[in-house]
Amino acid sequence: MSKKFLIPLTIAAIALLGIACQQTSESNANANANTTETATTTTPGPDNSDITTTTDKNGVKTETRTFRNNPRVSKVVVTTSNGTRTVKVYSPSGEERELKSQPEKALDATGDAIADAAGWAKDKSVTAADKTKEGAKTVADKTVDTSKKVADKTVDTSKTVANKSKAGAKTVVDVTKRGVKKTGNTIKKIVNP
């Protein structure tokens, strides 16, 4: 065969091979898109949380409730598959527990109620700190009240002492005036008999 005949035949074969590969890639991409197709929505939830709902093509529904700042629960994952519902609760440290008590309320209850249902104890140090803080406020309030009472009594006592001192001074002045007048009268009698 001649080279002139083989070159166009080789170019035609490469073109056909390229077209076939392109069609296979497109069909694989479509197949992958169909197997990973999911519907996802995110909505705000109660108790400062967000709920993300995902449903895959097999009908498995996963609802993930993520708490923004709960010290006892970080997230709750509710998975529904073929009518079976499982609820898992995760602590901020990553501990996982299955929620068997009232799983139907997992997306509505408060974080503390979910933590209680999962069996996680409440942090008592927070309660003690709150009580200490309240006690300190009470002591401070009583100290301020007592200080005000002492200040008021001191002012009243000072006024009383000032008034009595003023009255005493007037009495001393009056007695002194009388004594001076008597002395003056006595001297006049002596000088002018």
N, C-alpha and C. Protein backbone atom coordinates (compact mmCIF):
# COMPACT_ATOMS: atom_id res chain seq x y z
N MET A 1 0.83 -1.16 0.00
CA MET A 1 0.00 0.00 0.00
C MET A 1 0.88 1.23 0.00
N SER A 2 0.29 2.28 -0.49
CA SER A 2 1.10 3.47 -0.60
C SER A 2 0.88 4.38 0.60
N LYS A 3 1.86 5.22 0.81
CA LYS A 3 1.82 6.13 1.95
C LYS A 3 0.69 7.13 1.79
N LYS A 4 0.36 7.51 0.59
CA LYS A 4 -0.71 8.48 0.35
C LYS A 4 -2.04 7.89 0.79
N PHE A 5 -2.22 6.62 0.68
CA PHE A 5 -3.47 5.99 1.05
C PHE A 5 -3.53 5.74 2.56
N LEU A 6 -2.41 5.41 3.20
CA LEU A 6 -2.37 5.09 4.62
C LEU A 6 -2.54 6.33 5.51
N ILE A 7 -2.03 7.46 5.11
CA ILE A 7 -2.13 8.67 5.93
C ILE A 7 -3.59 9.09 6.09
N PRO A 8 -4.40 9.23 5.02
CA PRO A 8 -5.79 9.60 5.24
C PRO A 8 -6.55 8.53 6.02
N LEU A 9 -6.22 7.26 5.83
CA LEU A 9 -6.90 6.19 6.55
C LEU A 9 -6.57 6.28 8.05
N THR A 10 -5.34 6.58 8.43
CA THR A 10 -4.92 6.73 9.82
C THR A 10 -5.61 7.93 10.45
N ILE A 11 -5.71 9.03 9.72
CA ILE A 11 -6.38 10.24 10.25
C ILE A 11 -7.85 9.94 10.49
N ALA A 12 -8.49 9.22 9.59
CA ALA A 12 -9.91 8.88 9.76
C ALA A 12 -10.10 7.97 10.96
N ALA A 13 -9.20 7.02 11.18
CA ALA A 13 -9.30 6.09 12.32
C ALA A 13 -9.12 6.84 13.64
N ILE A 14 -8.19 7.77 13.68
CA ILE A 14 -7.96 8.56 14.91
C ILE A 14 -9.17 9.44 15.20
N ALA A 15 -9.78 10.02 14.18
CA ALA A 15 -10.97 10.86 14.37
C ALA A 15 -12.11 10.03 14.91
N LEU A 16 -12.33 8.83 14.36
CA LEU A 16 -13.40 7.96 14.85
C LEU A 16 -13.14 7.55 16.30
N LEU A 17 -11.90 7.24 16.63
CA LEU A 17 -11.54 6.85 17.99
C LEU A 17 -11.79 8.01 18.96
N GLY A 18 -11.45 9.22 18.57
CA GLY A 18 -11.67 10.41 19.42
C GLY A 18 -13.14 10.64 19.67
N ILE A 19 -13.98 10.49 18.66
CA ILE A 19 -15.43 10.67 18.81
C ILE A 19 -15.99 9.62 19.75
N ALA A 20 -15.53 8.39 19.61
CA ALA A 20 -16.02 7.30 20.47
C ALA A 20 -15.64 7.54 21.92
N CYS A 21 -14.43 7.98 22.17
CA CYS A 21 -13.98 8.25 23.54
C CYS A 21 -14.78 9.39 24.16
N GLN A 22 -15.08 10.42 23.38
CA GLN A 22 -15.84 11.56 23.88
C GLN A 22 -17.23 11.12 24.30
N GLN A 23 -17.88 10.28 23.51
CA GLN A 23 -19.22 9.81 23.84
C GLN A 23 -19.20 8.95 25.10
N THR A 24 -18.16 8.15 25.31
CA THR A 24 -18.04 7.32 26.50
C THR A 24 -17.86 8.21 27.74
N SER A 25 -17.05 9.26 27.64
CA SER A 25 -16.84 10.17 28.77
C SER A 25 -18.13 10.86 29.16
N GLU A 26 -18.90 11.29 28.17
CA GLU A 26 -20.16 11.96 28.45
C GLU A 26 -21.15 11.00 29.10
N SER A 27 -21.20 9.77 28.65
CA SER A 27 -22.14 8.83 29.25
C SER A 27 -21.72 8.47 30.67
N ASN A 28 -20.40 8.38 30.94
CA ASN A 28 -19.92 8.13 32.30
C ASN A 28 -20.24 9.31 33.22
N ALA A 29 -20.06 10.51 32.72
CA ALA A 29 -20.36 11.70 33.52
C ALA A 29 -21.84 11.74 33.86
N ASN A 30 -22.71 11.41 32.89
CA ASN A 30 -24.14 11.39 33.16
C ASN A 30 -24.48 10.31 34.18
N ALA A 31 -23.84 9.15 34.08
CA ALA A 31 -24.10 8.07 35.03
C ALA A 31 -23.66 8.48 36.43
N ASN A 32 -22.49 9.13 36.55
CA ASN A 32 -22.01 9.59 37.87
C ASN A 32 -22.93 10.65 38.44
N ALA A 33 -23.42 11.55 37.62
CA ALA A 33 -24.33 12.60 38.08
C ALA A 33 -25.62 11.97 38.59
N ASN A 34 -26.09 10.92 37.93
CA ASN A 34 -27.33 10.28 38.37
C ASN A 34 -27.14 9.54 39.68
N THR A 35 -25.99 8.95 39.95
CA THR A 35 -25.79 8.20 41.18
C THR A 35 -25.54 9.12 42.37
N THR A 36 -25.02 10.32 42.17
CA THR A 36 -24.75 11.23 43.29
C THR A 36 -25.78 12.34 43.40
N GLU A 37 -26.85 12.26 42.69
CA GLU A 37 -27.85 13.32 42.70
C GLU A 37 -28.55 13.35 44.05
N THR A 38 -28.50 14.51 44.73
CA THR A 38 -29.16 14.69 46.02
C THR A 38 -29.82 16.06 46.06
N ALA A 39 -30.79 16.16 46.93
CA ALA A 39 -31.45 17.45 47.14
C ALA A 39 -31.09 17.90 48.55
N THR A 40 -30.59 19.13 48.69
CA THR A 40 -30.15 19.64 49.98
C THR A 40 -30.79 20.99 50.24
N THR A 41 -31.32 21.16 51.48
CA THR A 41 -31.86 22.45 51.91
C THR A 41 -31.38 22.72 53.33
N THR A 42 -31.21 23.99 53.65
CA THR A 42 -30.82 24.39 55.01
C THR A 42 -31.80 25.44 55.50
N THR A 43 -32.32 25.23 56.73
CA THR A 43 -33.25 26.16 57.34
C THR A 43 -32.80 26.45 58.77
N PRO A 44 -33.13 27.63 59.30
CA PRO A 44 -32.81 27.91 60.71
C PRO A 44 -33.69 27.06 61.62
N GLY A 45 -33.10 26.56 62.69
CA GLY A 45 -33.84 25.74 63.65
C GLY A 45 -33.96 26.43 64.98
N PRO A 46 -34.68 25.82 65.92
CA PRO A 46 -34.84 26.41 67.25
C PRO A 46 -33.56 26.30 68.07
N ASP A 47 -33.46 27.08 69.12
CA ASP A 47 -32.35 27.03 70.08
C ASP A 47 -31.01 27.30 69.41
N ASN A 48 -30.97 28.31 68.54
CA ASN A 48 -29.74 28.76 67.88
C ASN A 48 -29.07 27.62 67.10
N SER A 49 -29.84 27.00 66.20
CA SER A 49 -29.32 25.89 65.40
C SER A 49 -29.75 26.04 63.94
N ASP A 50 -29.13 25.24 63.08
CA ASP A 50 -29.49 25.17 61.66
C ASP A 50 -29.79 23.71 61.34
N ILE A 51 -30.79 23.48 60.47
CA ILE A 51 -31.15 22.13 60.06
C ILE A 51 -30.92 21.99 58.57
N THR A 52 -30.03 21.06 58.21
CA THR A 52 -29.73 20.77 56.81
C THR A 52 -30.37 19.43 56.47
N THR A 53 -31.23 19.43 55.44
CA THR A 53 -31.93 18.22 55.02
C THR A 53 -31.39 17.78 53.67
N THR A 54 -30.99 16.51 53.57
CA THR A 54 -30.46 15.95 52.33
C THR A 54 -31.22 14.66 52.03
N THR A 55 -31.66 14.52 50.77
CA THR A 55 -32.33 13.30 50.32
C THR A 55 -31.58 12.79 49.10
N ASP A 56 -31.06 11.54 49.19
CA ASP A 56 -30.34 11.00 48.03
C ASP A 56 -31.31 10.33 47.07
N LYS A 57 -30.80 9.82 45.94
CA LYS A 57 -31.69 9.28 44.89
C LYS A 57 -32.36 7.99 45.34
N ASN A 58 -31.85 7.35 46.40
CA ASN A 58 -32.45 6.13 46.92
C ASN A 58 -33.56 6.43 47.92
N GLY A 59 -33.79 7.70 48.22
CA GLY A 59 -34.85 8.10 49.13
C GLY A 59 -34.41 8.18 50.59
N VAL A 60 -33.13 8.03 50.87
CA VAL A 60 -32.64 8.13 52.25
C VAL A 60 -32.57 9.61 52.62
N LYS A 61 -33.29 9.95 53.67
CA LYS A 61 -33.37 11.35 54.11
C LYS A 61 -32.49 11.51 55.35
N THR A 62 -31.58 12.48 55.28
CA THR A 62 -30.69 12.78 56.42
C THR A 62 -30.92 14.22 56.83
N GLU A 63 -31.30 14.40 58.10
CA GLU A 63 -31.52 15.74 58.65
C GLU A 63 -30.46 15.97 59.72
N THR A 64 -29.64 16.99 59.50
CA THR A 64 -28.55 17.29 60.44
C THR A 64 -28.84 18.65 61.08
N ARG A 65 -29.02 18.61 62.40
CA ARG A 65 -29.25 19.85 63.16
C ARG A 65 -27.95 20.21 63.87
N THR A 66 -27.38 21.35 63.49
CA THR A 66 -26.10 21.79 64.04
C THR A 66 -26.34 22.96 64.99
N PHE A 67 -25.88 22.80 66.24
CA PHE A 67 -26.02 23.85 67.25
C PHE A 67 -24.81 24.78 67.16
N ARG A 68 -25.06 26.09 67.23
CA ARG A 68 -23.97 27.06 67.10
C ARG A 68 -23.14 27.20 68.37
N ASN A 69 -23.79 27.19 69.54
CA ASN A 69 -23.02 27.45 70.76
C ASN A 69 -23.58 26.72 71.99
N ASN A 70 -24.04 25.50 71.82
CA ASN A 70 -24.54 24.74 72.96
C ASN A 70 -23.37 24.01 73.60
N PRO A 71 -23.17 24.15 74.92
CA PRO A 71 -22.01 23.52 75.57
C PRO A 71 -22.16 22.01 75.72
N ARG A 72 -23.36 21.46 75.50
CA ARG A 72 -23.58 20.03 75.73
C ARG A 72 -23.82 19.22 74.46
N VAL A 73 -24.30 19.86 73.38
CA VAL A 73 -24.62 19.15 72.14
C VAL A 73 -24.06 19.95 70.96
N SER A 74 -23.36 19.26 70.04
CA SER A 74 -22.88 19.97 68.85
C SER A 74 -23.79 19.73 67.66
N LYS A 75 -24.29 18.48 67.50
CA LYS A 75 -25.22 18.22 66.39
C LYS A 75 -26.04 16.98 66.66
N VAL A 76 -27.16 16.90 65.92
CA VAL A 76 -28.06 15.75 65.95
C VAL A 76 -28.26 15.33 64.50
N VAL A 77 -28.12 14.04 64.22
CA VAL A 77 -28.29 13.54 62.86
C VAL A 77 -29.45 12.54 62.88
N VAL A 78 -30.51 12.86 62.11
CA VAL A 78 -31.68 11.99 61.99
C VAL A 78 -31.67 11.40 60.59
N THR A 79 -31.58 10.06 60.50
CA THR A 79 -31.55 9.38 59.21
C THR A 79 -32.81 8.53 59.08
N THR A 80 -33.54 8.73 57.97
CA THR A 80 -34.76 7.97 57.71
C THR A 80 -34.55 7.19 56.42
N SER A 81 -34.61 5.84 56.53
CA SER A 81 -34.42 4.97 55.38
C SER A 81 -35.43 3.84 55.46
N ASN A 82 -36.25 3.71 54.42
CA ASN A 82 -37.27 2.65 54.35
C ASN A 82 -38.18 2.66 55.58
N GLY A 83 -38.54 3.85 56.08
CA GLY A 83 -39.45 3.99 57.20
C GLY A 83 -38.78 3.83 58.56
N THR A 84 -37.49 3.50 58.60
CA THR A 84 -36.77 3.33 59.85
C THR A 84 -36.01 4.62 60.15
N ARG A 85 -36.21 5.11 61.36
CA ARG A 85 -35.61 6.38 61.75
C ARG A 85 -34.58 6.13 62.85
N THR A 86 -33.36 6.63 62.65
CA THR A 86 -32.34 6.56 63.69
C THR A 86 -31.88 7.98 64.01
N VAL A 87 -31.62 8.21 65.29
CA VAL A 87 -31.21 9.54 65.74
C VAL A 87 -29.91 9.40 66.51
N LYS A 88 -28.89 10.13 66.09
CA LYS A 88 -27.60 10.13 66.78
C LYS A 88 -27.30 11.54 67.25
N VAL A 89 -26.78 11.62 68.48
CA VAL A 89 -26.45 12.91 69.10
C VAL A 89 -24.94 12.95 69.28
N TYR A 90 -24.35 14.11 68.99
CA TYR A 90 -22.90 14.29 69.12
C TYR A 90 -22.61 15.41 70.11
N SER A 91 -21.68 15.14 71.02
CA SER A 91 -21.27 16.16 71.98
C SER A 91 -20.20 17.04 71.35
N PRO A 92 -19.90 18.19 71.96
CA PRO A 92 -18.83 19.05 71.43
C PRO A 92 -17.47 18.35 71.39
N SER A 93 -17.26 17.35 72.26
CA SER A 93 -15.98 16.62 72.27
C SER A 93 -15.96 15.51 71.22
N GLY A 94 -17.09 15.26 70.53
CA GLY A 94 -17.14 14.25 69.48
C GLY A 94 -17.78 12.94 69.91
N GLU A 95 -18.16 12.82 71.18
CA GLU A 95 -18.81 11.59 71.65
C GLU A 95 -20.16 11.43 70.95
N GLU A 96 -20.47 10.19 70.54
CA GLU A 96 -21.69 9.90 69.80
C GLU A 96 -22.56 8.96 70.63
N ARG A 97 -23.86 9.26 70.67
CA ARG A 97 -24.83 8.38 71.34
C ARG A 97 -26.09 8.32 70.50
N GLU A 98 -26.71 7.15 70.52
CA GLU A 98 -27.98 7.01 69.84
C GLU A 98 -29.09 7.48 70.78
N LEU A 99 -29.98 8.30 70.25
CA LEU A 99 -31.06 8.86 71.05
C LEU A 99 -32.27 7.95 70.95
N LYS A 100 -32.62 7.30 72.05
CA LYS A 100 -33.77 6.38 72.05
C LYS A 100 -34.97 7.00 72.73
N SER A 101 -34.73 7.95 73.63
CA SER A 101 -35.82 8.62 74.34
C SER A 101 -36.30 9.81 73.53
N GLN A 102 -37.53 9.79 73.09
CA GLN A 102 -38.18 10.86 72.34
C GLN A 102 -37.41 11.29 71.09
N PRO A 103 -37.09 10.35 70.19
CA PRO A 103 -36.35 10.73 68.97
C PRO A 103 -37.15 11.62 68.04
N GLU A 104 -38.47 11.61 68.16
CA GLU A 104 -39.29 12.44 67.29
C GLU A 104 -39.13 13.92 67.60
N LYS A 105 -38.59 14.27 68.77
CA LYS A 105 -38.41 15.68 69.16
C LYS A 105 -36.99 16.17 68.91
N ALA A 106 -36.16 15.35 68.27
CA ALA A 106 -34.74 15.70 68.09
C ALA A 106 -34.53 16.97 67.29
N LEU A 107 -35.45 17.30 66.39
CA LEU A 107 -35.28 18.49 65.56
C LEU A 107 -35.98 19.71 66.14
N ASP A 108 -36.74 19.53 67.24
CA ASP A 108 -37.49 20.63 67.83
C ASP A 108 -37.08 20.97 69.26
N ALA A 109 -36.58 20.00 70.01
CA ALA A 109 -36.28 20.19 71.43
C ALA A 109 -35.06 21.09 71.62
N THR A 110 -34.92 21.60 72.84
CA THR A 110 -33.74 22.41 73.15
C THR A 110 -32.52 21.51 73.22
N GLY A 111 -31.35 22.11 73.10
CA GLY A 111 -30.11 21.34 73.19
C GLY A 111 -29.95 20.67 74.53
N ASP A 112 -30.35 21.36 75.62
CA ASP A 112 -30.25 20.76 76.96
C ASP A 112 -31.18 19.56 77.10
N ALA A 113 -32.39 19.64 76.54
CA ALA A 113 -33.32 18.52 76.61
C ALA A 113 -32.77 17.32 75.84
N ILE A 114 -32.15 17.57 74.70
CA ILE A 114 -31.56 16.49 73.90
C ILE A 114 -30.38 15.87 74.67
N ALA A 115 -29.55 16.70 75.28
CA ALA A 115 -28.41 16.19 76.05
C ALA A 115 -28.89 15.37 77.24
N ASP A 116 -29.94 15.82 77.90
CA ASP A 116 -30.51 15.05 79.01
C ASP A 116 -31.02 13.70 78.53
N ALA A 117 -31.72 13.69 77.38
CA ALA A 117 -32.25 12.45 76.83
C ALA A 117 -31.12 11.51 76.40
N ALA A 118 -29.99 12.06 75.98
CA ALA A 118 -28.85 11.24 75.58
C ALA A 118 -28.08 10.73 76.80
N GLY A 119 -28.36 11.30 77.97
CA GLY A 119 -27.71 10.84 79.19
C GLY A 119 -26.46 11.60 79.56
N TRP A 120 -26.25 12.76 78.97
CA TRP A 120 -25.09 13.57 79.32
C TRP A 120 -25.45 14.46 80.50
N ALA A 121 -24.63 14.43 81.54
CA ALA A 121 -24.88 15.23 82.74
C ALA A 121 -24.57 16.69 82.46
N LYS A 122 -25.32 17.54 83.13
CA LYS A 122 -25.10 18.98 83.01
C LYS A 122 -23.84 19.36 83.77
N ASP A 123 -23.09 20.31 83.25
CA ASP A 123 -21.86 20.76 83.88
C ASP A 123 -22.20 21.54 85.14
N LYS A 124 -21.90 20.95 86.30
CA LYS A 124 -22.26 21.57 87.58
C LYS A 124 -21.37 22.76 87.91
N SER A 125 -20.18 22.85 87.32
CA SER A 125 -19.29 23.98 87.62
C SER A 125 -19.91 25.28 87.13
N VAL A 126 -20.67 25.22 86.05
CA VAL A 126 -21.33 26.43 85.54
C VAL A 126 -22.36 26.89 86.55
N THR A 127 -23.13 25.95 87.11
CA THR A 127 -24.14 26.30 88.10
C THR A 127 -23.48 26.89 89.34
N ALA A 128 -22.40 26.28 89.81
CA ALA A 128 -21.70 26.79 90.99
C ALA A 128 -21.16 28.19 90.73
N ALA A 129 -20.62 28.40 89.56
CA ALA A 129 -20.10 29.74 89.22
C ALA A 129 -21.23 30.76 89.20
N ASP A 130 -22.38 30.38 88.63
CA ASP A 130 -23.52 31.29 88.62
C ASP A 130 -23.96 31.63 90.03
N LYS A 131 -24.02 30.63 90.92
CA LYS A 131 -24.45 30.88 92.30
C LYS A 131 -23.43 31.75 93.04
N THR A 132 -22.16 31.52 92.80
CA THR A 132 -21.13 32.35 93.43
C THR A 132 -21.27 33.80 92.96
N LYS A 133 -21.53 33.97 91.69
CA LYS A 133 -21.70 35.30 91.12
C LYS A 133 -22.90 35.99 91.76
N GLU A 134 -24.01 35.23 91.91
CA GLU A 134 -25.21 35.80 92.54
C GLU A 134 -24.92 36.18 93.99
N GLY A 135 -24.19 35.31 94.73
CA GLY A 135 -23.84 35.59 96.12
C GLY A 135 -22.99 36.84 96.24
N ALA A 136 -22.04 37.00 95.33
CA ALA A 136 -21.18 38.19 95.35
C ALA A 136 -22.01 39.44 95.10
N LYS A 137 -22.98 39.35 94.16
CA LYS A 137 -23.84 40.51 93.90
C LYS A 137 -24.65 40.85 95.14
N THR A 138 -25.18 39.84 95.84
CA THR A 138 -25.98 40.07 97.03
C THR A 138 -25.13 40.74 98.11
N VAL A 139 -23.92 40.24 98.32
CA VAL A 139 -23.02 40.83 99.32
C VAL A 139 -22.71 42.27 98.94
N ALA A 140 -22.43 42.51 97.67
CA ALA A 140 -22.12 43.87 97.22
C ALA A 140 -23.32 44.80 97.45
N ASP A 141 -24.53 44.31 97.13
CA ASP A 141 -25.73 45.12 97.32
C ASP A 141 -25.93 45.44 98.80
N LYS A 142 -25.74 44.44 99.67
CA LYS A 142 -25.92 44.66 101.11
C LYS A 142 -24.86 45.62 101.64
N THR A 143 -23.65 45.51 101.15
CA THR A 143 -22.57 46.40 101.58
C THR A 143 -22.90 47.84 101.19
N VAL A 144 -23.39 48.03 99.98
CA VAL A 144 -23.77 49.38 99.53
C VAL A 144 -24.89 49.92 100.40
N ASP A 145 -25.93 49.08 100.67
CA ASP A 145 -27.04 49.53 101.51
C ASP A 145 -26.56 49.90 102.91
N THR A 146 -25.71 49.05 103.50
CA THR A 146 -25.21 49.32 104.84
C THR A 146 -24.35 50.57 104.85
N SER A 147 -23.54 50.75 103.83
CA SER A 147 -22.70 51.96 103.73
C SER A 147 -23.56 53.20 103.66
N LYS A 148 -24.66 53.13 102.89
CA LYS A 148 -25.57 54.28 102.79
C LYS A 148 -26.18 54.59 104.15
N LYS A 149 -26.60 53.52 104.89
CA LYS A 149 -27.21 53.73 106.21
C LYS A 149 -26.21 54.36 107.17
N VAL A 150 -24.97 53.84 107.17
CA VAL A 150 -23.93 54.39 108.05
C VAL A 150 -23.66 55.84 107.69
N ALA A 151 -23.57 56.15 106.40
CA ALA A 151 -23.32 57.53 105.97
C ALA A 151 -24.46 58.44 106.41
N ASP A 152 -25.71 57.97 106.22
CA ASP A 152 -26.85 58.78 106.63
C ASP A 152 -26.83 59.03 108.14
N LYS A 153 -26.54 58.00 108.95
CA LYS A 153 -26.51 58.16 110.41
C LYS A 153 -25.36 59.09 110.82
N THR A 154 -24.23 58.97 110.13
CA THR A 154 -23.09 59.84 110.43
C THR A 154 -23.45 61.29 110.15
N VAL A 155 -24.12 61.54 109.03
CA VAL A 155 -24.54 62.91 108.69
C VAL A 155 -25.52 63.41 109.74
N ASP A 156 -26.50 62.55 110.13
CA ASP A 156 -27.48 62.97 111.14
C ASP A 156 -26.77 63.26 112.47
N THR A 157 -25.86 62.40 112.88
CA THR A 157 -25.14 62.59 114.14
C THR A 157 -24.29 63.85 114.08
N SER A 158 -23.66 64.08 112.96
CA SER A 158 -22.83 65.28 112.79
C SER A 158 -23.68 66.53 112.91
N LYS A 159 -24.89 66.48 112.32
CA LYS A 159 -25.78 67.64 112.41
C LYS A 159 -26.20 67.86 113.86
N THR A 160 -26.49 66.75 114.55
CA THR A 160 -26.90 66.87 115.96
C THR A 160 -25.76 67.46 116.80
N VAL A 161 -24.55 66.92 116.61
CA VAL A 161 -23.40 67.43 117.35
C VAL A 161 -23.17 68.90 117.01
N ALA A 162 -23.30 69.25 115.76
CA ALA A 162 -23.10 70.65 115.36
C ALA A 162 -24.15 71.55 116.01
N ASN A 163 -25.40 71.09 116.00
CA ASN A 163 -26.47 71.90 116.61
C ASN A 163 -26.24 72.05 118.11
N LYS A 164 -25.84 70.95 118.78
CA LYS A 164 -25.61 71.02 120.22
C LYS A 164 -24.39 71.89 120.52
N SER A 165 -23.36 71.78 119.68
CA SER A 165 -22.16 72.62 119.88
C SER A 165 -22.52 74.08 119.70
N LYS A 166 -23.35 74.35 118.70
CA LYS A 166 -23.78 75.72 118.44
C LYS A 166 -24.59 76.25 119.62
N ALA A 167 -25.50 75.41 120.14
CA ALA A 167 -26.31 75.82 121.28
C ALA A 167 -25.43 76.01 122.52
N GLY A 168 -24.48 75.10 122.70
CA GLY A 168 -23.56 75.21 123.84
C GLY A 168 -22.71 76.46 123.74
N ALA A 169 -22.28 76.77 122.55
CA ALA A 169 -21.46 77.97 122.35
C ALA A 169 -22.28 79.21 122.65
N LYS A 170 -23.56 79.20 122.25
CA LYS A 170 -24.42 80.36 122.53
C LYS A 170 -24.59 80.52 124.04
N THR A 171 -24.76 79.40 124.72
CA THR A 171 -24.92 79.45 126.17
C THR A 171 -23.65 80.00 126.82
N VAL A 172 -22.50 79.53 126.40
CA VAL A 172 -21.23 80.01 126.95
C VAL A 172 -21.07 81.50 126.67
N VAL A 173 -21.43 81.92 125.46
CA VAL A 173 -21.32 83.33 125.11
C VAL A 173 -22.27 84.15 125.99
N ASP A 174 -23.51 83.67 126.16
CA ASP A 174 -24.47 84.40 126.99
C ASP A 174 -23.98 84.48 128.44
N VAL A 175 -23.50 83.38 128.98
CA VAL A 175 -23.00 83.37 130.36
C VAL A 175 -21.80 84.31 130.48
N THR A 176 -20.93 84.24 129.47
CA THR A 176 -19.75 85.11 129.50
C THR A 176 -20.18 86.58 129.45
N LYS A 177 -21.17 86.91 128.60
CA LYS A 177 -21.65 88.30 128.52
C LYS A 177 -22.19 88.76 129.87
N ARG A 178 -22.96 87.89 130.50
CA ARG A 178 -23.53 88.25 131.79
C ARG A 178 -22.42 88.46 132.83
N GLY A 179 -21.44 87.57 132.76
CA GLY A 179 -20.31 87.69 133.72
C GLY A 179 -19.55 88.98 133.48
N VAL A 180 -19.36 89.33 132.20
CA VAL A 180 -18.64 90.56 131.88
C VAL A 180 -19.46 91.76 132.36
N LYS A 181 -20.76 91.74 132.16
CA LYS A 181 -21.59 92.86 132.60
C LYS A 181 -21.55 93.01 134.13
N LYS A 182 -21.64 91.87 134.82
CA LYS A 182 -21.59 91.92 136.29
C LYS A 182 -20.24 92.48 136.75
N THR A 183 -19.18 91.97 136.08
CA THR A 183 -17.84 92.44 136.46
C THR A 183 -17.73 93.94 136.19
N GLY A 184 -18.25 94.37 135.04
CA GLY A 184 -18.21 95.79 134.69
C GLY A 184 -19.01 96.61 135.69
N ASN A 185 -20.16 96.13 136.08
CA ASN A 185 -20.99 96.85 137.06
C ASN A 185 -20.30 96.91 138.43
N THR A 186 -19.63 95.83 138.79
CA THR A 186 -18.94 95.79 140.07
C THR A 186 -17.77 96.77 140.06
N ILE A 187 -17.05 96.82 138.96
CA ILE A 187 -15.93 97.75 138.86
C ILE A 187 -16.45 99.18 138.93
N LYS A 188 -17.57 99.49 138.30
CA LYS A 188 -18.13 100.83 138.34
C LYS A 188 -18.51 101.18 139.75
N LYS A 189 -19.05 100.22 140.49
CA LYS A 189 -19.43 100.51 141.87
C LYS A 189 -18.22 100.79 142.72
N ILE A 190 -17.13 100.06 142.42
CA ILE A 190 -15.93 100.26 143.20
C ILE A 190 -15.29 101.60 142.84
N VAL A 191 -15.23 101.91 141.59
CA VAL A 191 -14.58 103.13 141.16
C VAL A 191 -15.48 104.33 141.51
N ASN A 192 -16.70 104.23 141.32
CA ASN A 192 -17.64 105.30 141.62
C ASN A 192 -18.50 104.88 142.81
N PRO A 193 -18.00 105.05 143.94
CA PRO A 193 -18.80 104.62 145.10
C PRO A 193 -20.00 105.45 145.34
